[in-house]
Amino acid sequence: MVPVRIIRQKFATPVDKAQVDADWDKQGFSCDWYMAPSGRKWMDCKHESNALVTVVDGRLGVTVDGEYHTLKPGDEILIPRGAVHTMENIHSDDSRWLYGFDVAPDKPE
């Protein structure tokens, strides 16, 4: 399995979607917007593909396989396919982020 990877301040703020989209496209990932109100939480998610997330505005709390991380604007996290994870908007207002998925490989790693 691919390990969790966090790159702090990978993207300059304010985060430019076109820059993130170009970077992720080179890595084989899609790139879409998401926005959530303060306190919104998704529990025990799991995906068939690797996922990338970059915060644009606000802050996210992300727990991957029991390890908690706080993400701020410009930070990027890679969540491995099959990893159980929880995401929560821990900001006092709406948070916006970009997320993308790659295509799951035919064979397990």
PDB file of N, CA and C in Angstrom:
ATOM      1  N   MET A   1       0.846  -1.181   0.000  1.00  0.00           N
ATOM      2  CA  MET A   1       0.000   0.000   0.000  1.00  0.00           C
ATOM      3  C   MET A   1       0.890   1.242   0.000  1.00  0.00           C
ATOM      4  N   VAL A   2       0.464   2.250  -0.711  1.00  0.00           N
ATOM      5  CA  VAL A   2       1.139   3.541  -0.729  1.00  0.00           C
ATOM      6  C   VAL A   2       0.986   4.163   0.655  1.00  0.00           C
ATOM      7  N   PRO A   3       2.051   4.751   1.235  1.00  0.00           N
ATOM      8  CA  PRO A   3       1.900   5.377   2.559  1.00  0.00           C
ATOM      9  C   PRO A   3       1.202   6.734   2.479  1.00  0.00           C
ATOM     10  N   VAL A   4       0.630   7.147   3.612  1.00  0.00           N
ATOM     11  CA  VAL A   4       0.076   8.503   3.726  1.00  0.00           C
ATOM     12  C   VAL A   4       1.239   9.458   3.499  1.00  0.00           C
ATOM     13  N   ARG A   5       0.980  10.520   2.725  1.00  0.00           N
ATOM     14  CA  ARG A   5       2.018  11.521   2.475  1.00  0.00           C
ATOM     15  C   ARG A   5       1.405  12.897   2.681  1.00  0.00           C
ATOM     16  N   ILE A   6       2.069  13.719   3.472  1.00  0.00           N
ATOM     17  CA  ILE A   6       1.627  15.101   3.661  1.00  0.00           C
ATOM     18  C   ILE A   6       2.759  16.022   3.239  1.00  0.00           C
ATOM     19  N   ILE A   7       2.425  16.983   2.397  1.00  0.00           N
ATOM     20  CA  ILE A   7       3.387  18.010   2.011  1.00  0.00           C
ATOM     21  C   ILE A   7       2.817  19.336   2.496  1.00  0.00           C
ATOM     22  N   ARG A   8       3.464  19.899   3.505  1.00  0.00           N
ATOM     23  CA  ARG A   8       3.020  21.170   4.073  1.00  0.00           C
ATOM     24  C   ARG A   8       3.343  22.309   3.109  1.00  0.00           C
ATOM     25  N   GLN A   9       2.378  23.185   2.907  1.00  0.00           N
ATOM     26  CA  GLN A   9       2.519  24.370   2.060  1.00  0.00           C
ATOM     27  C   GLN A   9       3.056  24.030   0.668  1.00  0.00           C
ATOM     28  N   LYS A  10       2.579  22.923   0.109  1.00  0.00           N
ATOM     29  CA  LYS A  10       3.002  22.542  -1.240  1.00  0.00           C
ATOM     30  C   LYS A  10       2.602  23.612  -2.241  1.00  0.00           C
ATOM     31  N   PHE A  11       1.407  24.167  -2.054  1.00  0.00           N
ATOM     32  CA  PHE A  11       0.904  25.199  -2.959  1.00  0.00           C
ATOM     33  C   PHE A  11       0.864  26.538  -2.231  1.00  0.00           C
ATOM     34  N   ALA A  12       1.307  27.591  -2.932  1.00  0.00           N
ATOM     35  CA  ALA A  12       1.287  28.935  -2.362  1.00  0.00           C
ATOM     36  C   ALA A  12      -0.159  29.373  -2.148  1.00  0.00           C
ATOM     37  N   THR A  13      -0.355  30.230  -1.139  1.00  0.00           N
ATOM     38  CA  THR A  13      -1.686  30.775  -0.897  1.00  0.00           C
ATOM     39  C   THR A  13      -1.734  32.199  -1.420  1.00  0.00           C
ATOM     40  N   PRO A  14      -2.845  32.642  -1.949  1.00  0.00           N
ATOM     41  CA  PRO A  14      -4.059  31.843  -2.120  1.00  0.00           C
ATOM     42  C   PRO A  14      -3.833  30.726  -3.146  1.00  0.00           C
ATOM     43  N   VAL A  15      -4.419  29.571  -2.859  1.00  0.00           N
ATOM     44  CA  VAL A  15      -4.255  28.390  -3.706  1.00  0.00           C
ATOM     45  C   VAL A  15      -4.938  28.620  -5.054  1.00  0.00           C
ATOM     46  N   ASP A  16      -4.203  28.353  -6.118  1.00  0.00           N
ATOM     47  CA  ASP A  16      -4.691  28.507  -7.490  1.00  0.00           C
ATOM     48  C   ASP A  16      -5.110  27.132  -8.025  1.00  0.00           C
ATOM     49  N   LYS A  17      -6.403  26.948  -8.277  1.00  0.00           N
ATOM     50  CA  LYS A  17      -6.904  25.656  -8.748  1.00  0.00           C
ATOM     51  C   LYS A  17      -6.201  25.200 -10.016  1.00  0.00           C
ATOM     52  N   ALA A  18      -5.923  26.121 -10.928  1.00  0.00           N
ATOM     53  CA  ALA A  18      -5.265  25.745 -12.190  1.00  0.00           C
ATOM     54  C   ALA A  18      -3.886  25.138 -11.921  1.00  0.00           C
ATOM     55  N   GLN A  19      -3.171  25.672 -10.951  1.00  0.00           N
ATOM     56  CA  GLN A  19      -1.846  25.140 -10.608  1.00  0.00           C
ATOM     57  C   GLN A  19      -1.978  23.736 -10.016  1.00  0.00           C
ATOM     58  N   VAL A  20      -2.930  23.562  -9.099  1.00  0.00           N
ATOM     59  CA  VAL A  20      -3.150  22.246  -8.484  1.00  0.00           C
ATOM     60  C   VAL A  20      -3.585  21.250  -9.555  1.00  0.00           C
ATOM     61  N   ASP A  21      -4.515  21.652 -10.402  1.00  0.00           N
ATOM     62  CA  ASP A  21      -5.021  20.790 -11.472  1.00  0.00           C
ATOM     63  C   ASP A  21      -3.879  20.318 -12.371  1.00  0.00           C
ATOM     64  N   ALA A  22      -2.995  21.229 -12.753  1.00  0.00           N
ATOM     65  CA  ALA A  22      -1.863  20.872 -13.624  1.00  0.00           C
ATOM     66  C   ALA A  22      -0.916  19.894 -12.921  1.00  0.00           C
ATOM     67  N   ASP A  23      -0.632  20.148 -11.645  1.00  0.00           N
ATOM     68  CA  ASP A  23       0.252  19.276 -10.872  1.00  0.00           C
ATOM     69  C   ASP A  23      -0.353  17.878 -10.735  1.00  0.00           C
ATOM     70  N   TRP A  24      -1.615  17.837 -10.369  1.00  0.00           N
ATOM     71  CA  TRP A  24      -2.258  16.538 -10.177  1.00  0.00           C
ATOM     72  C   TRP A  24      -2.452  15.795 -11.483  1.00  0.00           C
ATOM     73  N   ASP A  25      -2.726  16.516 -12.560  1.00  0.00           N
ATOM     74  CA  ASP A  25      -2.885  15.877 -13.868  1.00  0.00           C
ATOM     75  C   ASP A  25      -1.605  15.125 -14.250  1.00  0.00           C
ATOM     76  N   LYS A  26      -0.452  15.715 -13.964  1.00  0.00           N
ATOM     77  CA  LYS A  26       0.833  15.058 -14.248  1.00  0.00           C
ATOM     78  C   LYS A  26       0.981  13.766 -13.456  1.00  0.00           C
ATOM     79  N   GLN A  27       0.327  13.705 -12.294  1.00  0.00           N
ATOM     80  CA  GLN A  27       0.394  12.511 -11.436  1.00  0.00           C
ATOM     81  C   GLN A  27      -0.740  11.522 -11.730  1.00  0.00           C
ATOM     82  N   GLY A  28      -1.642  11.887 -12.657  1.00  0.00           N
ATOM     83  CA  GLY A  28      -2.746  10.995 -13.009  1.00  0.00           C
ATOM     84  C   GLY A  28      -3.964  11.122 -12.124  1.00  0.00           C
ATOM     85  N   PHE A  29      -4.141  12.298 -11.491  1.00  0.00           N
ATOM     86  CA  PHE A  29      -5.274  12.520 -10.599  1.00  0.00           C
ATOM     87  C   PHE A  29      -6.255  13.531 -11.194  1.00  0.00           C
ATOM     88  N   SER A  30      -7.521  13.356 -10.866  1.00  0.00           N
ATOM     89  CA  SER A  30      -8.540  14.356 -11.192  1.00  0.00           C
ATOM     90  C   SER A  30      -8.398  15.518 -10.207  1.00  0.00           C
ATOM     91  N   CYS A  31      -9.204  16.580 -10.397  1.00  0.00           N
ATOM     92  CA  CYS A  31      -9.155  17.724  -9.491  1.00  0.00           C
ATOM     93  C   CYS A  31     -10.514  18.406  -9.486  1.00  0.00           C
ATOM     94  N   ASP A  32     -11.194  18.369  -8.339  1.00  0.00           N
ATOM     95  CA  ASP A  32     -12.521  18.968  -8.206  1.00  0.00           C
ATOM     96  C   ASP A  32     -12.619  19.738  -6.891  1.00  0.00           C
ATOM     97  N   TRP A  33     -13.586  20.667  -6.853  1.00  0.00           N
ATOM     98  CA  TRP A  33     -13.847  21.497  -5.674  1.00  0.00           C
ATOM     99  C   TRP A  33     -14.774  20.795  -4.695  1.00  0.00           C
ATOM    100  N   TYR A  34     -14.624  21.134  -3.403  1.00  0.00           N
ATOM    101  CA  TYR A  34     -15.600  20.744  -2.393  1.00  0.00           C
ATOM    102  C   TYR A  34     -15.650  21.835  -1.333  1.00  0.00           C
ATOM    103  N   MET A  35     -16.812  22.064  -0.759  1.00  0.00           N
ATOM    104  CA  MET A  35     -16.979  23.034   0.313  1.00  0.00           C
ATOM    105  C   MET A  35     -17.878  22.406   1.372  1.00  0.00           C
ATOM    106  N   ALA A  36     -17.557  22.671   2.647  1.00  0.00           N
ATOM    107  CA  ALA A  36     -18.362  22.123   3.736  1.00  0.00           C
ATOM    108  C   ALA A  36     -18.477  23.147   4.852  1.00  0.00           C
ATOM    109  N   PRO A  37     -19.625  23.155   5.542  1.00  0.00           N
ATOM    110  CA  PRO A  37     -19.803  24.060   6.680  1.00  0.00           C
ATOM    111  C   PRO A  37     -18.975  23.601   7.883  1.00  0.00           C
ATOM    112  N   SER A  38     -18.761  24.516   8.794  1.00  0.00           N
ATOM    113  CA  SER A  38     -18.035  24.220  10.025  1.00  0.00           C
ATOM    114  C   SER A  38     -18.661  23.019  10.735  1.00  0.00           C
ATOM    115  N   GLY A  39     -17.800  22.114  11.186  1.00  0.00           N
ATOM    116  CA  GLY A  39     -18.270  20.952  11.937  1.00  0.00           C
ATOM    117  C   GLY A  39     -18.678  19.755  11.105  1.00  0.00           C
ATOM    118  N   ARG A  40     -18.802  19.914   9.789  1.00  0.00           N
ATOM    119  CA  ARG A  40     -19.208  18.781   8.930  1.00  0.00           C
ATOM    120  C   ARG A  40     -18.144  17.700   8.998  1.00  0.00           C
ATOM    121  N   LYS A  41     -18.581  16.450   9.173  1.00  0.00           N
ATOM    122  CA  LYS A  41     -17.659  15.341   9.371  1.00  0.00           C
ATOM    123  C   LYS A  41     -18.078  14.135   8.543  1.00  0.00           C
ATOM    124  N   TRP A  42     -17.108  13.461   7.955  1.00  0.00           N
ATOM    125  CA  TRP A  42     -17.327  12.218   7.215  1.00  0.00           C
ATOM    126  C   TRP A  42     -16.544  11.148   7.941  1.00  0.00           C
ATOM    127  N   MET A  43     -17.242  10.135   8.423  1.00  0.00           N
ATOM    128  CA  MET A  43     -16.621   9.096   9.256  1.00  0.00           C
ATOM    129  C   MET A  43     -16.315   7.832   8.462  1.00  0.00           C
ATOM    130  N   ASP A  44     -15.175   7.260   8.744  1.00  0.00           N
ATOM    131  CA  ASP A  44     -14.797   5.931   8.260  1.00  0.00           C
ATOM    132  C   ASP A  44     -15.005   5.750   6.757  1.00  0.00           C
ATOM    133  N   CYS A  45     -14.471   6.670   5.975  1.00  0.00           N
ATOM    134  CA  CYS A  45     -14.546   6.586   4.507  1.00  0.00           C
ATOM    135  C   CYS A  45     -13.456   5.634   4.006  1.00  0.00           C
ATOM    136  N   LYS A  46     -13.678   5.100   2.817  1.00  0.00           N
ATOM    137  CA  LYS A  46     -12.710   4.204   2.187  1.00  0.00           C
ATOM    138  C   LYS A  46     -12.948   4.282   0.688  1.00  0.00           C
ATOM    139  N   HIS A  47     -11.868   4.397  -0.099  1.00  0.00           N
ATOM    140  CA  HIS A  47     -11.998   4.527  -1.552  1.00  0.00           C
ATOM    141  C   HIS A  47     -11.196   3.451  -2.268  1.00  0.00           C
ATOM    142  N   GLU A  48     -11.611   3.150  -3.475  1.00  0.00           N
ATOM    143  CA  GLU A  48     -10.929   2.171  -4.324  1.00  0.00           C
ATOM    144  C   GLU A  48      -9.721   2.770  -5.036  1.00  0.00           C
ATOM    145  N   SER A  49      -9.536   4.076  -4.924  1.00  0.00           N
ATOM    146  CA  SER A  49      -8.426   4.776  -5.567  1.00  0.00           C
ATOM    147  C   SER A  49      -7.650   5.564  -4.527  1.00  0.00           C
ATOM    148  N   ASN A  50      -6.408   5.924  -4.866  1.00  0.00           N
ATOM    149  CA  ASN A  50      -5.664   6.871  -4.047  1.00  0.00           C
ATOM    150  C   ASN A  50      -6.348   8.226  -4.174  1.00  0.00           C
ATOM    151  N   ALA A  51      -6.294   9.025  -3.124  1.00  0.00           N
ATOM    152  CA  ALA A  51      -6.931  10.339  -3.139  1.00  0.00           C
ATOM    153  C   ALA A  51      -5.930  11.414  -2.726  1.00  0.00           C
ATOM    154  N   LEU A  52      -6.033  12.574  -3.361  1.00  0.00           N
ATOM    155  CA  LEU A  52      -5.279  13.755  -2.967  1.00  0.00           C
ATOM    156  C   LEU A  52      -6.262  14.806  -2.482  1.00  0.00           C
ATOM    157  N   VAL A  53      -5.878  15.556  -1.446  1.00  0.00           N
ATOM    158  CA  VAL A  53      -6.685  16.656  -0.920  1.00  0.00           C
ATOM    159  C   VAL A  53      -5.748  17.825  -0.651  1.00  0.00           C
ATOM    160  N   THR A  54      -6.152  19.013  -1.084  1.00  0.00           N
ATOM    161  CA  THR A  54      -5.440  20.251  -0.766  1.00  0.00           C
ATOM    162  C   THR A  54      -6.452  21.272  -0.263  1.00  0.00           C
ATOM    163  N   VAL A  55      -6.181  21.844   0.910  1.00  0.00           N
ATOM    164  CA  VAL A  55      -7.066  22.860   1.485  1.00  0.00           C
ATOM    165  C   VAL A  55      -6.853  24.186   0.747  1.00  0.00           C
ATOM    166  N   VAL A  56      -7.969  24.836   0.397  1.00  0.00           N
ATOM    167  CA  VAL A  56      -7.937  26.156  -0.238  1.00  0.00           C
ATOM    168  C   VAL A  56      -8.210  27.225   0.816  1.00  0.00           C
ATOM    169  N   ASP A  57      -9.290  27.068   1.580  1.00  0.00           N
ATOM    170  CA  ASP A  57      -9.672  27.987   2.655  1.00  0.00           C
ATOM    171  C   ASP A  57     -10.106  27.181   3.864  1.00  0.00           C
ATOM    172  N   GLY A  58      -9.744  27.622   5.057  1.00  0.00           N
ATOM    173  CA  GLY A  58     -10.182  26.962   6.284  1.00  0.00           C
ATOM    174  C   GLY A  58      -9.155  25.970   6.784  1.00  0.00           C
ATOM    175  N   ARG A  59      -9.637  24.963   7.499  1.00  0.00           N
ATOM    176  CA  ARG A  59      -8.778  23.910   8.043  1.00  0.00           C
ATOM    177  C   ARG A  59      -9.552  22.599   8.063  1.00  0.00           C
ATOM    178  N   LEU A  60      -8.849  21.520   7.816  1.00  0.00           N
ATOM    179  CA  LEU A  60      -9.441  20.182   7.862  1.00  0.00           C
ATOM    180  C   LEU A  60      -8.693  19.326   8.872  1.00  0.00           C
ATOM    181  N   GLY A  61      -9.445  18.543   9.617  1.00  0.00           N
ATOM    182  CA  GLY A  61      -8.868  17.494  10.443  1.00  0.00           C
ATOM    183  C   GLY A  61      -9.039  16.191   9.683  1.00  0.00           C
ATOM    184  N   VAL A  62      -7.949  15.472   9.475  1.00  0.00           N
ATOM    185  CA  VAL A  62      -7.996  14.219   8.716  1.00  0.00           C
ATOM    186  C   VAL A  62      -7.341  13.121   9.546  1.00  0.00           C
ATOM    187  N   THR A  63      -8.075  12.054   9.763  1.00  0.00           N
ATOM    188  CA  THR A  63      -7.532  10.889  10.451  1.00  0.00           C
ATOM    189  C   THR A  63      -7.443   9.760   9.438  1.00  0.00           C
ATOM    190  N   VAL A  64      -6.241   9.218   9.261  1.00  0.00           N
ATOM    191  CA  VAL A  64      -6.028   8.112   8.325  1.00  0.00           C
ATOM    192  C   VAL A  64      -5.450   6.943   9.114  1.00  0.00           C
ATOM    193  N   ASP A  65      -6.161   5.825   9.093  1.00  0.00           N
ATOM    194  CA  ASP A  65      -5.748   4.628   9.828  1.00  0.00           C
ATOM    195  C   ASP A  65      -5.337   4.970  11.261  1.00  0.00           C
ATOM    196  N   GLY A  66      -6.138   5.836  11.926  1.00  0.00           N
ATOM    197  CA  GLY A  66      -5.938   6.166  13.323  1.00  0.00           C
ATOM    198  C   GLY A  66      -4.972   7.305  13.598  1.00  0.00           C
ATOM    199  N   GLU A  67      -4.293   7.843  12.597  1.00  0.00           N
ATOM    200  CA  GLU A  67      -3.344   8.945  12.791  1.00  0.00           C
ATOM    201  C   GLU A  67      -3.980  10.262  12.353  1.00  0.00           C
ATOM    202  N   TYR A  68      -4.009  11.240  13.286  1.00  0.00           N
ATOM    203  CA  TYR A  68      -4.676  12.522  13.052  1.00  0.00           C
ATOM    204  C   TYR A  68      -3.717  13.560  12.479  1.00  0.00           C
ATOM    205  N   HIS A  69      -4.225  14.340  11.499  1.00  0.00           N
ATOM    206  CA  HIS A  69      -3.454  15.409  10.869  1.00  0.00           C
ATOM    207  C   HIS A  69      -4.353  16.637  10.724  1.00  0.00           C
ATOM    208  N   THR A  70      -3.789  17.819  10.917  1.00  0.00           N
ATOM    209  CA  THR A  70      -4.494  19.071  10.664  1.00  0.00           C
ATOM    210  C   THR A  70      -3.928  19.670   9.387  1.00  0.00           C
ATOM    211  N   LEU A  71      -4.799  19.990   8.432  1.00  0.00           N
ATOM    212  CA  LEU A  71      -4.375  20.568   7.158  1.00  0.00           C
ATOM    213  C   LEU A  71      -4.814  22.015   7.069  1.00  0.00           C
ATOM    214  N   LYS A  72      -3.914  22.857   6.586  1.00  0.00           N
ATOM    215  CA  LYS A  72      -4.168  24.280   6.384  1.00  0.00           C
ATOM    216  C   LYS A  72      -4.056  24.595   4.892  1.00  0.00           C
ATOM    217  N   PRO A  73      -4.457  25.800   4.476  1.00  0.00           N
ATOM    218  CA  PRO A  73      -4.367  26.156   3.065  1.00  0.00           C
ATOM    219  C   PRO A  73      -2.966  25.908   2.487  1.00  0.00           C
ATOM    220  N   GLY A  74      -2.958  25.253   1.331  1.00  0.00           N
ATOM    221  CA  GLY A  74      -1.722  24.927   0.633  1.00  0.00           C
ATOM    222  C   GLY A  74      -1.161  23.563   0.955  1.00  0.00           C
ATOM    223  N   ASP A  75      -1.621  22.932   2.058  1.00  0.00           N
ATOM    224  CA  ASP A  75      -1.153  21.589   2.418  1.00  0.00           C
ATOM    225  C   ASP A  75      -1.802  20.552   1.509  1.00  0.00           C
ATOM    226  N   GLU A  76      -1.062  19.486   1.244  1.00  0.00           N
ATOM    227  CA  GLU A  76      -1.586  18.386   0.431  1.00  0.00           C
ATOM    228  C   GLU A  76      -1.403  17.079   1.188  1.00  0.00           C
ATOM    229  N   ILE A  77      -2.431  16.240   1.149  1.00  0.00           N
ATOM    230  CA  ILE A  77      -2.337  14.901   1.727  1.00  0.00           C
ATOM    231  C   ILE A  77      -2.705  13.874   0.668  1.00  0.00           C
ATOM    232  N   LEU A  78      -1.935  12.797   0.640  1.00  0.00           N
ATOM    233  CA  LEU A  78      -2.252  11.634  -0.186  1.00  0.00           C
ATOM    234  C   LEU A  78      -2.821  10.577   0.746  1.00  0.00           C
ATOM    235  N   ILE A  79      -4.054  10.157   0.478  1.00  0.00           N
ATOM    236  CA  ILE A  79      -4.717   9.113   1.255  1.00  0.00           C
ATOM    237  C   ILE A  79      -4.701   7.851   0.394  1.00  0.00           C
ATOM    238  N   PRO A  80      -4.017   6.803   0.854  1.00  0.00           N
ATOM    239  CA  PRO A  80      -3.912   5.582   0.049  1.00  0.00           C
ATOM    240  C   PRO A  80      -5.260   4.889  -0.165  1.00  0.00           C
ATOM    241  N   ARG A  81      -5.407   4.263  -1.309  1.00  0.00           N
ATOM    242  CA  ARG A  81      -6.631   3.518  -1.581  1.00  0.00           C
ATOM    243  C   ARG A  81      -6.803   2.453  -0.513  1.00  0.00           C
ATOM    244  N   GLY A  82      -8.041   2.289  -0.080  1.00  0.00           N
ATOM    245  CA  GLY A  82      -8.345   1.290   0.931  1.00  0.00           C
ATOM    246  C   GLY A  82      -8.117   1.738   2.367  1.00  0.00           C
ATOM    247  N   ALA A  83      -7.475   2.893   2.571  1.00  0.00           N
ATOM    248  CA  ALA A  83      -7.221   3.378   3.932  1.00  0.00           C
ATOM    249  C   ALA A  83      -8.513   3.943   4.525  1.00  0.00           C
ATOM    250  N   VAL A  84      -8.833   3.537   5.732  1.00  0.00           N
ATOM    251  CA  VAL A  84     -10.006   4.075   6.413  1.00  0.00           C
ATOM    252  C   VAL A  84      -9.633   5.465   6.918  1.00  0.00           C
ATOM    253  N   HIS A  85     -10.473   6.445   6.566  1.00  0.00           N
ATOM    254  CA  HIS A  85     -10.166   7.823   6.966  1.00  0.00           C
ATOM    255  C   HIS A  85     -11.432   8.592   7.312  1.00  0.00           C
ATOM    256  N   THR A  86     -11.237   9.604   8.159  1.00  0.00           N
ATOM    257  CA  THR A  86     -12.293  10.508   8.578  1.00  0.00           C
ATOM    258  C   THR A  86     -11.826  11.921   8.283  1.00  0.00           C
ATOM    259  N   MET A  87     -12.732  12.746   7.762  1.00  0.00           N
ATOM    260  CA  MET A  87     -12.415  14.146   7.476  1.00  0.00           C
ATOM    261  C   MET A  87     -13.431  15.024   8.176  1.00  0.00           C
ATOM    262  N   GLU A  88     -12.948  16.160   8.729  1.00  0.00           N
ATOM    263  CA  GLU A  88     -13.833  17.084   9.419  1.00  0.00           C
ATOM    264  C   GLU A  88     -13.384  18.517   9.167  1.00  0.00           C
ATOM    265  N   ASN A  89     -14.359  19.376   8.873  1.00  0.00           N
ATOM    266  CA  ASN A  89     -14.074  20.805   8.779  1.00  0.00           C
ATOM    267  C   ASN A  89     -13.928  21.314  10.205  1.00  0.00           C
ATOM    268  N   ILE A  90     -12.702  21.624  10.617  1.00  0.00           N
ATOM    269  CA  ILE A  90     -12.442  22.093  11.973  1.00  0.00           C
ATOM    270  C   ILE A  90     -12.302  23.614  12.024  1.00  0.00           C
ATOM    271  N   HIS A  91     -12.635  24.273  10.940  1.00  0.00           N
ATOM    272  CA  HIS A  91     -12.580  25.729  10.856  1.00  0.00           C
ATOM    273  C   HIS A  91     -13.888  26.316  11.406  1.00  0.00           C
ATOM    274  N   SER A  92     -13.845  27.558  11.869  1.00  0.00           N
ATOM    275  CA  SER A  92     -15.046  28.189  12.436  1.00  0.00           C
ATOM    276  C   SER A  92     -16.042  28.639  11.371  1.00  0.00           C
ATOM    277  N   ASP A  93     -15.692  28.488  10.111  1.00  0.00           N
ATOM    278  CA  ASP A  93     -16.539  28.880   8.994  1.00  0.00           C
ATOM    279  C   ASP A  93     -16.469  27.773   7.940  1.00  0.00           C
ATOM    280  N   ASP A  94     -17.022  28.038   6.763  1.00  0.00           N
ATOM    281  CA  ASP A  94     -16.906  27.070   5.669  1.00  0.00           C
ATOM    282  C   ASP A  94     -15.435  26.815   5.349  1.00  0.00           C
ATOM    283  N   SER A  95     -15.136  25.618   4.919  1.00  0.00           N
ATOM    284  CA  SER A  95     -13.816  25.276   4.380  1.00  0.00           C
ATOM    285  C   SER A  95     -14.002  24.828   2.951  1.00  0.00           C
ATOM    286  N   ARG A  96     -13.040  25.185   2.104  1.00  0.00           N
ATOM    287  CA  ARG A  96     -13.043  24.720   0.711  1.00  0.00           C
ATOM    288  C   ARG A  96     -11.745  23.962   0.475  1.00  0.00           C
ATOM    289  N   TRP A  97     -11.869  22.894  -0.300  1.00  0.00           N
ATOM    290  CA  TRP A  97     -10.671  22.158  -0.672  1.00  0.00           C
ATOM    291  C   TRP A  97     -10.827  21.561  -2.048  1.00  0.00           C
ATOM    292  N   LEU A  98      -9.697  21.116  -2.569  1.00  0.00           N
ATOM    293  CA  LEU A  98      -9.663  20.401  -3.840  1.00  0.00           C
ATOM    294  C   LEU A  98      -9.375  18.942  -3.515  1.00  0.00           C
ATOM    295  N   TYR A  99     -10.004  18.048  -4.268  1.00  0.00           N
ATOM    296  CA  TYR A  99      -9.774  16.626  -4.068  1.00  0.00           C
ATOM    297  C   TYR A  99      -9.683  15.968  -5.429  1.00  0.00           C
ATOM    298  N   GLY A 100      -8.990  14.866  -5.484  1.00  0.00           N
ATOM    299  CA  GLY A 100      -8.881  14.126  -6.742  1.00  0.00           C
ATOM    300  C   GLY A 100      -8.560  12.673  -6.474  1.00  0.00           C
ATOM    301  N   PHE A 101      -8.863  11.840  -7.469  1.00  0.00           N
ATOM    302  CA  PHE A 101      -8.618  10.402  -7.382  1.00  0.00           C
ATOM    303  C   PHE A 101      -7.835   9.942  -8.597  1.00  0.00           C
ATOM    304  N   ASP A 102      -6.995   8.915  -8.393  1.00  0.00           N
ATOM    305  CA  ASP A 102      -6.369   8.266  -9.530  1.00  0.00           C
ATOM    306  C   ASP A 102      -7.180   7.017  -9.860  1.00  0.00           C
ATOM    307  N   VAL A 103      -6.746   6.285 -10.833  1.00  0.00           N
ATOM    308  CA  VAL A 103      -7.418   5.031 -11.194  1.00  0.00           C
ATOM    309  C   VAL A 103      -6.743   3.910 -10.428  1.00  0.00           C
ATOM    310  N   ALA A 104      -7.543   3.100  -9.749  1.00  0.00           N
ATOM    311  CA  ALA A 104      -6.980   1.989  -8.978  1.00  0.00           C
ATOM    312  C   ALA A 104      -6.240   1.026  -9.920  1.00  0.00           C
ATOM    313  N   PRO A 105      -5.052   0.589  -9.518  1.00  0.00           N
ATOM    314  CA  PRO A 105      -4.320  -0.356 -10.359  1.00  0.00           C
ATOM    315  C   PRO A 105      -5.038  -1.703 -10.426  1.00  0.00           C
ATOM    316  N   ASP A 106      -4.729  -2.482 -11.465  1.00  0.00           N
ATOM    317  CA  ASP A 106      -5.355  -3.790 -11.648  1.00  0.00           C
ATOM    318  C   ASP A 106      -4.942  -4.793 -10.583  1.00  0.00           C
ATOM    319  N   LYS A 107      -3.711  -4.666 -10.083  1.00  0.00           N
ATOM    320  CA  LYS A 107      -3.207  -5.607  -9.101  1.00  0.00           C
ATOM    321  C   LYS A 107      -2.878  -4.882  -7.801  1.00  0.00           C
ATOM    322  N   PRO A 108      -3.116  -5.530  -6.657  1.00  0.00           N
ATOM    323  CA  PRO A 108      -2.758  -4.911  -5.371  1.00  0.00           C
ATOM    324  C   PRO A 108      -1.250  -4.731  -5.268  1.00  0.00           C
ATOM    325  N   GLU A 109      -0.864  -3.733  -4.471  1.00  0.00           N
ATOM    326  CA  GLU A 109       0.578  -3.480  -4.273  1.00  0.00           C
ATOM    327  C   GLU A 109       1.147  -4.413  -3.250  1.00  0.00           C
TER     328      GLU A 109
END
